Structure formats: C-alpha cells, structure tokens
Protein backbone atom coordinates (compact mmCIF):
# COMPACT_ATOMS: atom_id res chain seq x y z
CA MET A 1 -42.64 13.43 13.16
CA SER A 2 -39.16 13.38 14.68
CA ALA A 3 -38.21 13.32 18.34
CA HIS A 4 -38.05 17.13 18.26
CA GLY A 5 -41.51 17.51 16.79
CA LEU A 6 -40.22 18.42 13.32
CA MET A 7 -41.04 16.60 10.17
CA LEU A 8 -38.50 16.59 7.35
CA ASP A 9 -39.67 16.18 3.82
CA ASP A 10 -37.66 13.90 1.56
CA ALA A 11 -36.06 16.77 -0.34
CA LEU A 12 -34.78 18.46 2.81
CA ALA A 13 -33.57 15.18 4.26
CA GLU A 14 -31.71 14.48 1.02
CA LYS A 15 -30.05 17.92 1.14
CA ILE A 16 -28.91 17.31 4.72
CA ILE A 17 -27.52 13.88 3.85
CA THR A 18 -25.77 15.27 0.76
CA ALA A 19 -24.20 18.11 2.74
CA ALA A 20 -23.00 15.74 5.46
CA THR A 21 -21.58 13.36 2.86
CA GLU A 22 -19.76 16.16 1.04
CA LYS A 23 -18.31 17.47 4.32
CA GLU A 24 -17.09 14.02 5.34
CA ALA A 25 -15.60 13.45 1.87
CA GLU A 26 -13.75 16.77 2.21
CA ASN A 27 -12.42 15.71 5.63
CA VAL A 28 -11.24 12.34 4.33
CA ARG A 29 -9.52 13.97 1.36
CA LYS A 30 -7.75 16.45 3.66
CA MET A 31 -6.46 13.59 5.80
CA ARG A 32 -5.45 11.62 2.71
CA ASN A 33 -3.61 14.64 1.30
CA ALA A 34 -1.77 15.14 4.59
CA LEU A 35 -0.69 11.50 4.57
CA LEU A 36 0.48 11.78 0.96
CA LEU A 37 2.46 14.91 1.85
CA ARG A 38 3.95 13.14 4.86
CA SER A 39 5.04 10.25 2.63
CA ASP A 40 6.55 12.43 -0.12
CA PRO A 41 10.10 12.22 1.30
CA GLN A 42 9.95 8.45 0.94
CA MET A 43 9.75 8.85 -2.83
CA PHE A 44 12.57 11.35 -3.39
CA ALA A 45 14.92 9.98 -6.05
CA ASP A 46 18.02 10.04 -3.83
CA ARG A 47 16.19 8.19 -1.05
CA VAL A 48 14.64 5.62 -3.39
CA GLU A 49 18.07 4.71 -4.73
CA LEU A 50 19.16 3.79 -1.21
CA GLU A 51 16.11 1.68 -0.41
CA ASP A 52 15.51 -1.93 -1.19
CA ALA A 53 13.08 -2.61 -4.04
CA GLU A 54 10.49 -4.23 -1.74
CA LEU A 55 10.25 -1.18 0.50
CA VAL A 56 10.05 1.18 -2.48
CA GLU A 57 7.20 -0.88 -3.89
CA ALA A 58 5.43 -0.86 -0.51
CA TRP A 59 5.54 2.96 -0.44
CA LYS A 60 4.26 3.16 -4.02
CA GLU A 61 1.36 0.83 -3.18
CA TYR A 62 0.55 2.78 -0.01
CA ARG A 63 0.46 6.08 -1.86
CA GLN A 64 -1.72 4.62 -4.62
CA ALA A 65 -4.10 3.19 -2.03
CA LEU A 66 -4.40 6.68 -0.52
CA ARG A 67 -5.19 8.13 -3.94
CA ASP A 68 -7.81 5.42 -4.47
CA LEU A 69 -9.70 6.08 -1.21
CA PRO A 70 -12.55 7.98 -2.94
CA GLN A 71 -13.22 4.93 -5.14
CA GLN A 72 -13.88 2.64 -2.17
CA PRO A 73 -17.53 1.52 -2.08
CA GLY A 74 -18.20 2.93 1.41
CA PHE A 75 -16.55 6.31 0.80
CA PRO A 76 -16.61 8.61 2.70
CA PHE A 77 -18.15 7.05 5.81
CA ASP A 78 -16.89 3.48 5.64
CA ILE A 79 -13.39 3.32 4.26
CA GLU A 80 -10.36 1.19 4.94
CA TRP A 81 -7.21 3.27 5.42
CA PRO A 82 -4.04 1.65 4.07
CA GLU A 83 -1.26 0.83 6.48
CA MET A 84 1.82 3.03 6.22
CA PRO A 85 5.02 1.09 5.42
CA ARG A 86 7.90 1.35 7.82
CA ALA A 87 9.59 4.73 7.39
CA GLU A 88 13.19 3.74 7.95
CA VAL A 89 15.40 0.94 6.71
C-alpha cells in the first residue's frame, strides 16, 4: 500500500512509468531540436567558409552529439548535454 492508501499493480505502475518516460523523451527532443535550430546559422555555407576548420569541426561535433542524445544509455532522464562551441570568431 502506498502513502496515499492506494496499491498499484505492476501493469498500472508500468504504464505510469512508460508515460512519464515518453513525456520526458519528448521534452528532451524538443530542447534538442531547439538547440539544433539555434545552431543552424553556424553551418551556413557562406559562414563556414569564413570560419577556421577547428571551429567548423567543433560545431559539426556539437550538432552530431545533439542528434545522438536519444542513444545515450540514461536517456531521457540521465543524459549529458554537449557543450555549445563559441558562436563567434
């Protein structure tokens, strides 16, 4: 029995956990997508031509790390967000 006097069967508990996990995964993906959108200007062809190769590579790695977030072992509750490279040269 829980603190509120209710007893959850395993099936109901699993449904609640699944729903919470799916909601958190959706929230993480929304944040990831916003960060990808925010970083899009860093990859425009005319901008990339002006940047040094190291900075361009850092932005590529950052964006790939964002795309790879769902593959992290702790996703969606325990993830490590990549650090955004410096925006300006």
